[in-house]
Amino acid sequence: MSRPVILLFVLLCTACSAPSFEPSPVPPSERQVSGTSMDVSLRIILRFVDLRDEASVRAHLAELGQSVGQDLVYLRPMSGQAHVIQPAHTLDAMSFERLLERLKAIPGVEYAEPDRRLRHQ
């Protein structure tokens, strides 16, 4: 047998024996809220005018949550001194939009927006 035929045979055998892909369950930080024209992550990108660091945001998260009427969870810092937070409990689409509007209305908040996944067209 020639070398290319043997290689083709080996490739076909390994492709057939490869395990099938099963998607893993969605972790709480990846939860989605439906009911709008676009599914939106429950995560929020938040940036303060005074460019607070992670420790400062974590220290004031309970106070921030009280001012918007929702317990908040800190997830991670981002580049540009923005931060990713999420509500501690699942929200419907309207409640999530109200939460965003309340966060935007807080003095010192530069922006609060849903953490959407960008997809290349």
PDB file of N, CA and C in Angstrom:
ATOM      1  N   MET A   1       0.847  -1.190   0.000  1.00  0.00           N
ATOM      2  CA  MET A   1       0.000   0.000   0.000  1.00  0.00           C
ATOM      3  C   MET A   1       0.882   1.239   0.000  1.00  0.00           C
ATOM      4  N   SER A   2       0.389   2.246  -0.642  1.00  0.00           N
ATOM      5  CA  SER A   2       1.178   3.472  -0.706  1.00  0.00           C
ATOM      6  C   SER A   2       0.976   4.290   0.574  1.00  0.00           C
ATOM      7  N   ARG A   3       1.902   5.151   0.822  1.00  0.00           N
ATOM      8  CA  ARG A   3       1.891   5.976   2.029  1.00  0.00           C
ATOM      9  C   ARG A   3       0.630   6.858   2.117  1.00  0.00           C
ATOM     10  N   PRO A   4       0.174   7.546   1.038  1.00  0.00           N
ATOM     11  CA  PRO A   4      -1.033   8.368   1.134  1.00  0.00           C
ATOM     12  C   PRO A   4      -2.278   7.555   1.492  1.00  0.00           C
ATOM     13  N   VAL A   5      -2.378   6.334   1.000  1.00  0.00           N
ATOM     14  CA  VAL A   5      -3.540   5.503   1.310  1.00  0.00           C
ATOM     15  C   VAL A   5      -3.539   5.129   2.784  1.00  0.00           C
ATOM     16  N   ILE A   6      -2.384   4.826   3.319  1.00  0.00           N
ATOM     17  CA  ILE A   6      -2.269   4.477   4.744  1.00  0.00           C
ATOM     18  C   ILE A   6      -2.639   5.686   5.605  1.00  0.00           C
ATOM     19  N   LEU A   7      -2.144   6.865   5.242  1.00  0.00           N
ATOM     20  CA  LEU A   7      -2.482   8.077   5.996  1.00  0.00           C
ATOM     21  C   LEU A   7      -3.979   8.344   5.961  1.00  0.00           C
ATOM     22  N   LEU A   8      -4.587   8.188   4.800  1.00  0.00           N
ATOM     23  CA  LEU A   8      -6.023   8.392   4.681  1.00  0.00           C
ATOM     24  C   LEU A   8      -6.786   7.399   5.564  1.00  0.00           C
ATOM     25  N   PHE A   9      -6.357   6.169   5.589  1.00  0.00           N
ATOM     26  CA  PHE A   9      -6.983   5.143   6.412  1.00  0.00           C
ATOM     27  C   PHE A   9      -6.879   5.506   7.895  1.00  0.00           C
ATOM     28  N   VAL A  10      -5.712   5.958   8.335  1.00  0.00           N
ATOM     29  CA  VAL A  10      -5.505   6.335   9.742  1.00  0.00           C
ATOM     30  C   VAL A  10      -6.380   7.526  10.101  1.00  0.00           C
ATOM     31  N   LEU A  11      -6.453   8.517   9.225  1.00  0.00           N
ATOM     32  CA  LEU A  11      -7.287   9.690   9.490  1.00  0.00           C
ATOM     33  C   LEU A  11      -8.760   9.313   9.615  1.00  0.00           C
ATOM     34  N   LEU A  12      -9.236   8.474   8.740  1.00  0.00           N
ATOM     35  CA  LEU A  12     -10.625   8.052   8.804  1.00  0.00           C
ATOM     36  C   LEU A  12     -10.929   7.272  10.074  1.00  0.00           C
ATOM     37  N   CYS A  13     -10.010   6.443  10.488  1.00  0.00           N
ATOM     38  CA  CYS A  13     -10.206   5.658  11.714  1.00  0.00           C
ATOM     39  C   CYS A  13     -10.249   6.556  12.943  1.00  0.00           C
ATOM     40  N   THR A  14      -9.367   7.526  13.014  1.00  0.00           N
ATOM     41  CA  THR A  14      -9.348   8.412  14.184  1.00  0.00           C
ATOM     42  C   THR A  14     -10.544   9.342  14.179  1.00  0.00           C
ATOM     43  N   ALA A  15     -11.010   9.783  13.019  1.00  0.00           N
ATOM     44  CA  ALA A  15     -12.184  10.661  12.948  1.00  0.00           C
ATOM     45  C   ALA A  15     -13.429   9.925  13.422  1.00  0.00           C
ATOM     46  N   CYS A  16     -13.541   8.670  13.086  1.00  0.00           N
ATOM     47  CA  CYS A  16     -14.716   7.890  13.487  1.00  0.00           C
ATOM     48  C   CYS A  16     -14.706   7.560  14.972  1.00  0.00           C
ATOM     49  N   SER A  17     -13.537   7.504  15.565  1.00  0.00           N
ATOM     50  CA  SER A  17     -13.466   7.149  16.977  1.00  0.00           C
ATOM     51  C   SER A  17     -13.418   8.367  17.892  1.00  0.00           C
ATOM     52  N   ALA A  18     -13.459   9.579  17.316  1.00  0.00           N
ATOM     53  CA  ALA A  18     -13.410  10.796  18.129  1.00  0.00           C
ATOM     54  C   ALA A  18     -14.693  10.905  18.948  1.00  0.00           C
ATOM     55  N   PRO A  19     -14.596  11.375  20.198  1.00  0.00           N
ATOM     56  CA  PRO A  19     -15.793  11.505  21.026  1.00  0.00           C
ATOM     57  C   PRO A  19     -16.706  12.589  20.471  1.00  0.00           C
ATOM     58  N   SER A  20     -17.997  12.419  20.671  1.00  0.00           N
ATOM     59  CA  SER A  20     -18.943  13.432  20.194  1.00  0.00           C
ATOM     60  C   SER A  20     -18.907  14.624  21.143  1.00  0.00           C
ATOM     61  N   PHE A  21     -19.247  15.775  20.619  1.00  0.00           N
ATOM     62  CA  PHE A  21     -19.251  17.005  21.401  1.00  0.00           C
ATOM     63  C   PHE A  21     -20.577  17.167  22.113  1.00  0.00           C
ATOM     64  N   GLU A  22     -20.505  17.403  23.420  1.00  0.00           N
ATOM     65  CA  GLU A  22     -21.706  17.706  24.184  1.00  0.00           C
ATOM     66  C   GLU A  22     -21.476  19.046  24.860  1.00  0.00           C
ATOM     67  N   PRO A  23     -22.372  20.004  24.650  1.00  0.00           N
ATOM     68  CA  PRO A  23     -22.174  21.307  25.273  1.00  0.00           C
ATOM     69  C   PRO A  23     -22.263  21.199  26.794  1.00  0.00           C
ATOM     70  N   SER A  24     -21.442  21.968  27.465  1.00  0.00           N
ATOM     71  CA  SER A  24     -21.468  21.961  28.920  1.00  0.00           C
ATOM     72  C   SER A  24     -22.601  22.862  29.407  1.00  0.00           C
ATOM     73  N   PRO A  25     -23.087  22.641  30.625  1.00  0.00           N
ATOM     74  CA  PRO A  25     -24.160  23.483  31.141  1.00  0.00           C
ATOM     75  C   PRO A  25     -23.695  24.927  31.272  1.00  0.00           C
ATOM     76  N   VAL A  26     -24.619  25.854  31.162  1.00  0.00           N
ATOM     77  CA  VAL A  26     -24.300  27.274  31.240  1.00  0.00           C
ATOM     78  C   VAL A  26     -24.119  27.665  32.700  1.00  0.00           C
ATOM     79  N   PRO A  27     -22.939  28.212  33.053  1.00  0.00           N
ATOM     80  CA  PRO A  27     -22.727  28.617  34.441  1.00  0.00           C
ATOM     81  C   PRO A  27     -23.595  29.832  34.781  1.00  0.00           C
ATOM     82  N   PRO A  28     -23.815  30.106  36.075  1.00  0.00           N
ATOM     83  CA  PRO A  28     -24.655  31.234  36.464  1.00  0.00           C
ATOM     84  C   PRO A  28     -24.189  32.565  35.881  1.00  0.00           C
ATOM     85  N   SER A  29     -22.892  32.749  35.700  1.00  0.00           N
ATOM     86  CA  SER A  29     -22.397  34.007  35.158  1.00  0.00           C
ATOM     87  C   SER A  29     -22.708  34.171  33.687  1.00  0.00           C
ATOM     88  N   GLU A  30     -23.195  33.095  33.027  1.00  0.00           N
ATOM     89  CA  GLU A  30     -23.530  33.151  31.608  1.00  0.00           C
ATOM     90  C   GLU A  30     -25.035  33.096  31.391  1.00  0.00           C
ATOM     91  N   ARG A  31     -25.812  33.259  32.464  1.00  0.00           N
ATOM     92  CA  ARG A  31     -27.262  33.181  32.331  1.00  0.00           C
ATOM     93  C   ARG A  31     -27.760  34.224  31.341  1.00  0.00           C
ATOM     94  N   GLN A  32     -28.844  33.903  30.677  1.00  0.00           N
ATOM     95  CA  GLN A  32     -29.438  34.792  29.694  1.00  0.00           C
ATOM     96  C   GLN A  32     -30.838  35.173  30.144  1.00  0.00           C
ATOM     97  N   VAL A  33     -31.265  36.338  29.725  1.00  0.00           N
ATOM     98  CA  VAL A  33     -32.636  36.749  29.954  1.00  0.00           C
ATOM     99  C   VAL A  33     -33.271  36.913  28.580  1.00  0.00           C
ATOM    100  N   SER A  34     -34.434  36.305  28.392  1.00  0.00           N
ATOM    101  CA  SER A  34     -35.108  36.369  27.097  1.00  0.00           C
ATOM    102  C   SER A  34     -36.324  37.275  27.205  1.00  0.00           C
ATOM    103  N   GLY A  35     -36.983  37.436  26.087  1.00  0.00           N
ATOM    104  CA  GLY A  35     -38.193  38.233  26.100  1.00  0.00           C
ATOM    105  C   GLY A  35     -37.999  39.560  25.398  1.00  0.00           C
ATOM    106  N   THR A  36     -36.831  39.820  24.890  1.00  0.00           N
ATOM    107  CA  THR A  36     -36.581  41.026  24.117  1.00  0.00           C
ATOM    108  C   THR A  36     -36.259  40.588  22.705  1.00  0.00           C
ATOM    109  N   SER A  37     -35.987  41.556  21.858  1.00  0.00           N
ATOM    110  CA  SER A  37     -35.661  41.212  20.483  1.00  0.00           C
ATOM    111  C   SER A  37     -34.323  40.501  20.394  1.00  0.00           C
ATOM    112  N   MET A  38     -33.526  40.582  21.448  1.00  0.00           N
ATOM    113  CA  MET A  38     -32.203  39.957  21.459  1.00  0.00           C
ATOM    114  C   MET A  38     -31.968  39.391  22.853  1.00  0.00           C
ATOM    115  N   ASP A  39     -31.450  38.188  22.952  1.00  0.00           N
ATOM    116  CA  ASP A  39     -31.105  37.658  24.265  1.00  0.00           C
ATOM    117  C   ASP A  39     -29.964  38.489  24.838  1.00  0.00           C
ATOM    118  N   VAL A  40     -30.052  38.773  26.125  1.00  0.00           N
ATOM    119  CA  VAL A  40     -29.082  39.638  26.784  1.00  0.00           C
ATOM    120  C   VAL A  40     -28.506  38.890  27.969  1.00  0.00           C
ATOM    121  N   SER A  41     -27.227  38.995  28.143  1.00  0.00           N
ATOM    122  CA  SER A  41     -26.589  38.403  29.311  1.00  0.00           C
ATOM    123  C   SER A  41     -27.019  39.180  30.546  1.00  0.00           C
ATOM    124  N   LEU A  42     -27.093  38.511  31.676  1.00  0.00           N
ATOM    125  CA  LEU A  42     -27.414  39.203  32.923  1.00  0.00           C
ATOM    126  C   LEU A  42     -26.211  39.947  33.479  1.00  0.00           C
ATOM    127  N   ARG A  43     -25.088  39.830  32.819  1.00  0.00           N
ATOM    128  CA  ARG A  43     -23.909  40.557  33.274  1.00  0.00           C
ATOM    129  C   ARG A  43     -23.979  42.005  32.800  1.00  0.00           C
ATOM    130  N   ILE A  44     -23.404  42.888  33.604  1.00  0.00           N
ATOM    131  CA  ILE A  44     -23.430  44.323  33.312  1.00  0.00           C
ATOM    132  C   ILE A  44     -22.007  44.847  33.336  1.00  0.00           C
ATOM    133  N   ILE A  45     -21.668  45.628  32.323  1.00  0.00           N
ATOM    134  CA  ILE A  45     -20.376  46.323  32.307  1.00  0.00           C
ATOM    135  C   ILE A  45     -20.620  47.694  32.913  1.00  0.00           C
ATOM    136  N   LEU A  46     -19.848  48.013  33.928  1.00  0.00           N
ATOM    137  CA  LEU A  46     -20.046  49.233  34.697  1.00  0.00           C
ATOM    138  C   LEU A  46     -18.730  49.983  34.778  1.00  0.00           C
ATOM    139  N   ARG A  47     -18.791  51.296  34.546  1.00  0.00           N
ATOM    140  CA  ARG A  47     -17.582  52.111  34.679  1.00  0.00           C
ATOM    141  C   ARG A  47     -17.947  53.392  35.411  1.00  0.00           C
ATOM    142  N   PHE A  48     -17.078  53.773  36.322  1.00  0.00           N
ATOM    143  CA  PHE A  48     -17.289  54.970  37.118  1.00  0.00           C
ATOM    144  C   PHE A  48     -16.469  56.128  36.564  1.00  0.00           C
ATOM    145  N   VAL A  49     -16.962  57.337  36.753  1.00  0.00           N
ATOM    146  CA  VAL A  49     -16.272  58.536  36.271  1.00  0.00           C
ATOM    147  C   VAL A  49     -14.901  58.650  36.924  1.00  0.00           C
ATOM    148  N   ASP A  50     -14.810  58.297  38.209  1.00  0.00           N
ATOM    149  CA  ASP A  50     -13.535  58.432  38.925  1.00  0.00           C
ATOM    150  C   ASP A  50     -12.618  57.225  38.744  1.00  0.00           C
ATOM    151  N   LEU A  51     -12.938  56.339  37.783  1.00  0.00           N
ATOM    152  CA  LEU A  51     -12.091  55.190  37.435  1.00  0.00           C
ATOM    153  C   LEU A  51     -11.682  54.367  38.659  1.00  0.00           C
ATOM    154  N   ARG A  52     -12.660  53.860  39.366  1.00  0.00           N
ATOM    155  CA  ARG A  52     -12.410  53.072  40.577  1.00  0.00           C
ATOM    156  C   ARG A  52     -11.721  51.756  40.239  1.00  0.00           C
ATOM    157  N   ASP A  53     -10.881  51.309  41.163  1.00  0.00           N
ATOM    158  CA  ASP A  53     -10.228  50.011  40.985  1.00  0.00           C
ATOM    159  C   ASP A  53     -11.121  48.912  41.556  1.00  0.00           C
ATOM    160  N   GLU A  54     -10.694  47.671  41.374  1.00  0.00           N
ATOM    161  CA  GLU A  54     -11.505  46.525  41.787  1.00  0.00           C
ATOM    162  C   GLU A  54     -11.829  46.564  43.277  1.00  0.00           C
ATOM    163  N   ALA A  55     -10.850  46.850  44.101  1.00  0.00           N
ATOM    164  CA  ALA A  55     -11.067  46.865  45.552  1.00  0.00           C
ATOM    165  C   ALA A  55     -12.125  47.898  45.947  1.00  0.00           C
ATOM    166  N   SER A  56     -12.083  49.055  45.319  1.00  0.00           N
ATOM    167  CA  SER A  56     -13.049  50.111  45.619  1.00  0.00           C
ATOM    168  C   SER A  56     -14.454  49.713  45.198  1.00  0.00           C
ATOM    169  N   VAL A  57     -14.586  49.113  44.024  1.00  0.00           N
ATOM    170  CA  VAL A  57     -15.907  48.685  43.559  1.00  0.00           C
ATOM    171  C   VAL A  57     -16.451  47.590  44.466  1.00  0.00           C
ATOM    172  N   ARG A  58     -15.608  46.625  44.810  1.00  0.00           N
ATOM    173  CA  ARG A  58     -16.046  45.549  45.708  1.00  0.00           C
ATOM    174  C   ARG A  58     -16.501  46.114  47.056  1.00  0.00           C
ATOM    175  N   ALA A  59     -15.774  47.112  47.577  1.00  0.00           N
ATOM    176  CA  ALA A  59     -16.102  47.700  48.870  1.00  0.00           C
ATOM    177  C   ALA A  59     -17.437  48.436  48.845  1.00  0.00           C
ATOM    178  N   HIS A  60     -17.803  48.990  47.712  1.00  0.00           N
ATOM    179  CA  HIS A  60     -19.036  49.773  47.607  1.00  0.00           C
ATOM    180  C   HIS A  60     -20.181  49.037  46.916  1.00  0.00           C
ATOM    181  N   LEU A  61     -20.005  47.746  46.644  1.00  0.00           N
ATOM    182  CA  LEU A  61     -21.019  46.991  45.902  1.00  0.00           C
ATOM    183  C   LEU A  61     -22.330  46.868  46.674  1.00  0.00           C
ATOM    184  N   ALA A  62     -22.266  46.641  47.969  1.00  0.00           N
ATOM    185  CA  ALA A  62     -23.489  46.527  48.773  1.00  0.00           C
ATOM    186  C   ALA A  62     -24.249  47.859  48.768  1.00  0.00           C
ATOM    187  N   GLU A  63     -23.515  48.947  48.920  1.00  0.00           N
ATOM    188  CA  GLU A  63     -24.121  50.278  48.882  1.00  0.00           C
ATOM    189  C   GLU A  63     -24.746  50.553  47.514  1.00  0.00           C
ATOM    190  N   LEU A  64     -24.053  50.185  46.476  1.00  0.00           N
ATOM    191  CA  LEU A  64     -24.552  50.342  45.111  1.00  0.00           C
ATOM    192  C   LEU A  64     -25.822  49.516  44.914  1.00  0.00           C
ATOM    193  N   GLY A  65     -25.809  48.286  45.419  1.00  0.00           N
ATOM    194  CA  GLY A  65     -26.981  47.421  45.325  1.00  0.00           C
ATOM    195  C   GLY A  65     -28.184  47.989  46.059  1.00  0.00           C
ATOM    196  N   GLN A  66     -27.944  48.586  47.238  1.00  0.00           N
ATOM    197  CA  GLN A  66     -29.047  49.196  47.990  1.00  0.00           C
ATOM    198  C   GLN A  66     -29.653  50.359  47.225  1.00  0.00           C
ATOM    199  N   SER A  67     -28.816  51.139  46.564  1.00  0.00           N
ATOM    200  CA  SER A  67     -29.331  52.309  45.848  1.00  0.00           C
ATOM    201  C   SER A  67     -30.162  51.932  44.626  1.00  0.00           C
ATOM    202  N   VAL A  68     -29.964  50.731  44.077  1.00  0.00           N
ATOM    203  CA  VAL A  68     -30.765  50.291  42.926  1.00  0.00           C
ATOM    204  C   VAL A  68     -31.808  49.239  43.313  1.00  0.00           C
ATOM    205  N   GLY A  69     -31.829  48.837  44.589  1.00  0.00           N
ATOM    206  CA  GLY A  69     -32.823  47.885  45.058  1.00  0.00           C
ATOM    207  C   GLY A  69     -32.583  46.456  44.603  1.00  0.00           C
ATOM    208  N   GLN A  70     -31.330  46.094  44.423  1.00  0.00           N
ATOM    209  CA  GLN A  70     -31.000  44.756  43.915  1.00  0.00           C
ATOM    210  C   GLN A  70     -29.626  44.343  44.447  1.00  0.00           C
ATOM    211  N   ASP A  71     -29.512  43.130  44.978  1.00  0.00           N
ATOM    212  CA  ASP A  71     -28.204  42.629  45.391  1.00  0.00           C
ATOM    213  C   ASP A  71     -27.368  42.393  44.143  1.00  0.00           C
ATOM    214  N   LEU A  72     -26.112  42.827  44.180  1.00  0.00           N
ATOM    215  CA  LEU A  72     -25.213  42.708  43.038  1.00  0.00           C
ATOM    216  C   LEU A  72     -24.013  41.857  43.395  1.00  0.00           C
ATOM    217  N   VAL A  73     -23.455  41.191  42.398  1.00  0.00           N
ATOM    218  CA  VAL A  73     -22.286  40.330  42.581  1.00  0.00           C
ATOM    219  C   VAL A  73     -21.183  40.831  41.658  1.00  0.00           C
ATOM    220  N   TYR A  74     -19.986  40.991  42.222  1.00  0.00           N
ATOM    221  CA  TYR A  74     -18.841  41.402  41.410  1.00  0.00           C
ATOM    222  C   TYR A  74     -18.266  40.173  40.713  1.00  0.00           C
ATOM    223  N   LEU A  75     -18.047  40.268  39.389  1.00  0.00           N
ATOM    224  CA  LEU A  75     -17.493  39.135  38.647  1.00  0.00           C
ATOM    225  C   LEU A  75     -16.016  39.313  38.318  1.00  0.00           C
ATOM    226  N   ARG A  76     -15.664  40.456  37.693  1.00  0.00           N
ATOM    227  CA  ARG A  76     -14.263  40.621  37.305  1.00  0.00           C
ATOM    228  C   ARG A  76     -14.011  42.039  36.815  1.00  0.00           C
ATOM    229  N   PRO A  77     -12.744  42.447  36.849  1.00  0.00           N
ATOM    230  CA  PRO A  77     -12.390  43.733  36.239  1.00  0.00           C
ATOM    231  C   PRO A  77     -12.230  43.557  34.731  1.00  0.00           C
ATOM    232  N   MET A  78     -12.330  44.657  34.006  1.00  0.00           N
ATOM    233  CA  MET A  78     -12.112  44.657  32.558  1.00  0.00           C
ATOM    234  C   MET A  78     -11.021  45.671  32.227  1.00  0.00           C
ATOM    235  N   SER A  79     -10.622  45.684  30.996  1.00  0.00           N
ATOM    236  CA  SER A  79      -9.681  46.710  30.559  1.00  0.00           C
ATOM    237  C   SER A  79     -10.401  48.056  30.566  1.00  0.00           C
ATOM    238  N   GLY A  80      -9.639  49.124  30.620  1.00  0.00           N
ATOM    239  CA  GLY A  80     -10.242  50.449  30.621  1.00  0.00           C
ATOM    240  C   GLY A  80     -10.896  50.812  31.935  1.00  0.00           C
ATOM    241  N   GLN A  81     -10.553  50.106  32.995  1.00  0.00           N
ATOM    242  CA  GLN A  81     -11.076  50.312  34.344  1.00  0.00           C
ATOM    243  C   GLN A  81     -12.599  50.218  34.419  1.00  0.00           C
ATOM    244  N   ALA A  82     -13.153  49.334  33.619  1.00  0.00           N
ATOM    245  CA  ALA A  82     -14.571  48.988  33.730  1.00  0.00           C
ATOM    246  C   ALA A  82     -14.650  47.696  34.541  1.00  0.00           C
ATOM    247  N   HIS A  83     -15.849  47.354  34.990  1.00  0.00           N
ATOM    248  CA  HIS A  83     -16.033  46.185  35.840  1.00  0.00           C
ATOM    249  C   HIS A  83     -17.271  45.421  35.395  1.00  0.00           C
ATOM    250  N   VAL A  84     -17.251  44.109  35.583  1.00  0.00           N
ATOM    251  CA  VAL A  84     -18.398  43.275  35.241  1.00  0.00           C
ATOM    252  C   VAL A  84     -19.075  42.850  36.536  1.00  0.00           C
ATOM    253  N   ILE A  85     -20.367  43.156  36.616  1.00  0.00           N
ATOM    254  CA  ILE A  85     -21.174  42.772  37.775  1.00  0.00           C
ATOM    255  C   ILE A  85     -22.420  42.056  37.247  1.00  0.00           C
ATOM    256  N   GLN A  86     -23.163  41.456  38.147  1.00  0.00           N
ATOM    257  CA  GLN A  86     -24.441  40.868  37.752  1.00  0.00           C
ATOM    258  C   GLN A  86     -25.364  40.880  38.955  1.00  0.00           C
ATOM    259  N   PRO A  87     -26.673  40.859  38.699  1.00  0.00           N
ATOM    260  CA  PRO A  87     -27.607  40.748  39.825  1.00  0.00           C
ATOM    261  C   PRO A  87     -27.441  39.392  40.497  1.00  0.00           C
ATOM    262  N   ALA A  88     -27.670  39.366  41.794  1.00  0.00           N
ATOM    263  CA  ALA A  88     -27.514  38.122  42.548  1.00  0.00           C
ATOM    264  C   ALA A  88     -28.619  37.127  42.231  1.00  0.00           C
ATOM    265  N   HIS A  89     -29.733  37.622  41.722  1.00  0.00           N
ATOM    266  CA  HIS A  89     -30.878  36.764  41.419  1.00  0.00           C
ATOM    267  C   HIS A  89     -31.282  36.946  39.962  1.00  0.00           C
ATOM    268  N   THR A  90     -31.907  35.934  39.401  1.00  0.00           N
ATOM    269  CA  THR A  90     -32.359  35.991  38.019  1.00  0.00           C
ATOM    270  C   THR A  90     -33.448  37.048  37.859  1.00  0.00           C
ATOM    271  N   LEU A  91     -33.386  37.792  36.762  1.00  0.00           N
ATOM    272  CA  LEU A  91     -34.368  38.831  36.473  1.00  0.00           C
ATOM    273  C   LEU A  91     -35.030  38.566  35.133  1.00  0.00           C
ATOM    274  N   ASP A  92     -36.255  39.068  34.983  1.00  0.00           N
ATOM    275  CA  ASP A  92     -36.863  39.031  33.655  1.00  0.00           C
ATOM    276  C   ASP A  92     -36.336  40.234  32.869  1.00  0.00           C
ATOM    277  N   ALA A  93     -36.671  40.312  31.598  1.00  0.00           N
ATOM    278  CA  ALA A  93     -36.119  41.343  30.714  1.00  0.00           C
ATOM    279  C   ALA A  93     -36.461  42.756  31.191  1.00  0.00           C
ATOM    280  N   MET A  94     -37.693  42.977  31.619  1.00  0.00           N
ATOM    281  CA  MET A  94     -38.083  44.325  32.051  1.00  0.00           C
ATOM    282  C   MET A  94     -37.358  44.733  33.330  1.00  0.00           C
ATOM    283  N   SER A  95     -37.239  43.811  34.266  1.00  0.00           N
ATOM    284  CA  SER A  95     -36.538  44.114  35.521  1.00  0.00           C
ATOM    285  C   SER A  95     -35.068  44.408  35.261  1.00  0.00           C
ATOM    286  N   PHE A  96     -34.473  43.664  34.330  1.00  0.00           N
ATOM    287  CA  PHE A  96     -33.075  43.886  33.989  1.00  0.00           C
ATOM    288  C   PHE A  96     -32.888  45.274  33.371  1.00  0.00           C
ATOM    289  N   GLU A  97     -33.790  45.684  32.491  1.00  0.00           N
ATOM    290  CA  GLU A  97     -33.711  47.017  31.879  1.00  0.00           C
ATOM    291  C   GLU A  97     -33.876  48.107  32.939  1.00  0.00           C
ATOM    292  N   ARG A  98     -34.799  47.902  33.894  1.00  0.00           N
ATOM    293  CA  ARG A  98     -34.968  48.882  34.979  1.00  0.00           C
ATOM    294  C   ARG A  98     -33.702  48.982  35.818  1.00  0.00           C
ATOM    295  N   LEU A  99     -33.067  47.834  36.084  1.00  0.00           N
ATOM    296  CA  LEU A  99     -31.821  47.841  36.845  1.00  0.00           C
ATOM    297  C   LEU A  99     -30.751  48.649  36.111  1.00  0.00           C
ATOM    298  N   LEU A 100     -30.634  48.438  34.811  1.00  0.00           N
ATOM    299  CA  LEU A 100     -29.655  49.202  34.019  1.00  0.00           C
ATOM    300  C   LEU A 100     -29.931  50.702  34.107  1.00  0.00           C
ATOM    301  N   GLU A 101     -31.193  51.090  33.982  1.00  0.00           N
ATOM    302  CA  GLU A 101     -31.547  52.513  34.041  1.00  0.00           C
ATOM    303  C   GLU A 101     -31.235  53.101  35.416  1.00  0.00           C
ATOM    304  N   ARG A 102     -31.491  52.350  36.477  1.00  0.00           N
ATOM    305  CA  ARG A 102     -31.172  52.828  37.832  1.00  0.00           C
ATOM    306  C   ARG A 102     -29.664  52.990  38.015  1.00  0.00           C
ATOM    307  N   LEU A 103     -28.895  52.038  37.498  1.00  0.00           N
ATOM    308  CA  LEU A 103     -27.431  52.147  37.602  1.00  0.00           C
ATOM    309  C   LEU A 103     -26.918  53.372  36.845  1.00  0.00           C
ATOM    310  N   LYS A 104     -27.457  53.607  35.649  1.00  0.00           N
ATOM    311  CA  LYS A 104     -27.028  54.758  34.843  1.00  0.00           C
ATOM    312  C   LYS A 104     -27.346  56.080  35.527  1.00  0.00           C
ATOM    313  N   ALA A 105     -28.407  56.102  36.339  1.00  0.00           N
ATOM    314  CA  ALA A 105     -28.841  57.328  36.997  1.00  0.00           C
ATOM    315  C   ALA A 105     -28.019  57.673  38.240  1.00  0.00           C
ATOM    316  N   ILE A 106     -27.187  56.770  38.704  1.00  0.00           N
ATOM    317  CA  ILE A 106     -26.386  57.025  39.900  1.00  0.00           C
ATOM    318  C   ILE A 106     -25.281  58.018  39.566  1.00  0.00           C
ATOM    319  N   PRO A 107     -25.161  59.090  40.357  1.00  0.00           N
ATOM    320  CA  PRO A 107     -24.074  60.045  40.107  1.00  0.00           C
ATOM    321  C   PRO A 107     -22.722  59.337  40.218  1.00  0.00           C
ATOM    322  N   GLY A 108     -21.849  59.602  39.301  1.00  0.00           N
ATOM    323  CA  GLY A 108     -20.526  58.992  39.311  1.00  0.00           C
ATOM    324  C   GLY A 108     -20.409  57.768  38.426  1.00  0.00           C
ATOM    325  N   VAL A 109     -21.536  57.258  37.926  1.00  0.00           N
ATOM    326  CA  VAL A 109     -21.492  56.127  37.003  1.00  0.00           C
ATOM    327  C   VAL A 109     -21.374  56.688  35.593  1.00  0.00           C
ATOM    328  N   GLU A 110     -20.277  56.359  34.921  1.00  0.00           N
ATOM    329  CA  GLU A 110     -20.067  56.840  33.555  1.00  0.00           C
ATOM    330  C   GLU A 110     -20.969  56.086  32.579  1.00  0.00           C
ATOM    331  N   TYR A 111     -21.001  54.749  32.715  1.00  0.00           N
ATOM    332  CA  TYR A 111     -21.933  53.964  31.915  1.00  0.00           C
ATOM    333  C   TYR A 111     -22.201  52.623  32.571  1.00  0.00           C
ATOM    334  N   ALA A 112     -23.374  52.080  32.246  1.00  0.00           N
ATOM    335  CA  ALA A 112     -23.785  50.739  32.660  1.00  0.00           C
ATOM    336  C   ALA A 112     -24.500  50.148  31.456  1.00  0.00           C
ATOM    337  N   GLU A 113     -23.982  49.046  30.952  1.00  0.00           N
ATOM    338  CA  GLU A 113     -24.572  48.440  29.758  1.00  0.00           C
ATOM    339  C   GLU A 113     -24.508  46.926  29.849  1.00  0.00           C
ATOM    340  N   PRO A 114     -25.403  46.247  29.158  1.00  0.00           N
ATOM    341  CA  PRO A 114     -25.365  44.777  29.176  1.00  0.00           C
ATOM    342  C   PRO A 114     -24.071  44.272  28.564  1.00  0.00           C
ATOM    343  N   ASP A 115     -23.558  43.205  29.116  1.00  0.00           N
ATOM    344  CA  ASP A 115     -22.348  42.576  28.580  1.00  0.00           C
ATOM    345  C   ASP A 115     -22.782  41.643  27.458  1.00  0.00           C
ATOM    346  N   ARG A 116     -22.802  42.160  26.259  1.00  0.00           N
ATOM    347  CA  ARG A 116     -23.233  41.380  25.095  1.00  0.00           C
ATOM    348  C   ARG A 116     -22.043  40.761  24.408  1.00  0.00           C
ATOM    349  N   ARG A 117     -22.252  39.578  23.877  1.00  0.00           N
ATOM    350  CA  ARG A 117     -21.211  38.945  23.077  1.00  0.00           C
ATOM    351  C   ARG A 117     -21.250  39.540  21.682  1.00  0.00           C
ATOM    352  N   LEU A 118     -20.102  39.954  21.235  1.00  0.00           N
ATOM    353  CA  LEU A 118     -20.014  40.502  19.882  1.00  0.00           C
ATOM    354  C   LEU A 118     -19.709  39.376  18.933  1.00  0.00           C
ATOM    355  N   ARG A 119     -20.418  39.372  17.842  1.00  0.00           N
ATOM    356  CA  ARG A 119     -20.200  38.335  16.819  1.00  0.00           C
ATOM    357  C   ARG A 119     -19.799  39.018  15.522  1.00  0.00           C
ATOM    358  N   HIS A 120     -18.761  38.492  14.895  1.00  0.00           N
ATOM    359  CA  HIS A 120     -18.334  39.033  13.623  1.00  0.00           C
ATOM    360  C   HIS A 120     -19.328  38.651  12.542  1.00  0.00           C
ATOM    361  N   GLN A 121     -19.577  39.575  11.660  1.00  0.00           N
ATOM    362  CA  GLN A 121     -20.530  39.329  10.564  1.00  0.00           C
ATOM    363  C   GLN A 121     -19.854  38.682   9.401  1.00  0.00           C
TER     364      GLN A 121
END
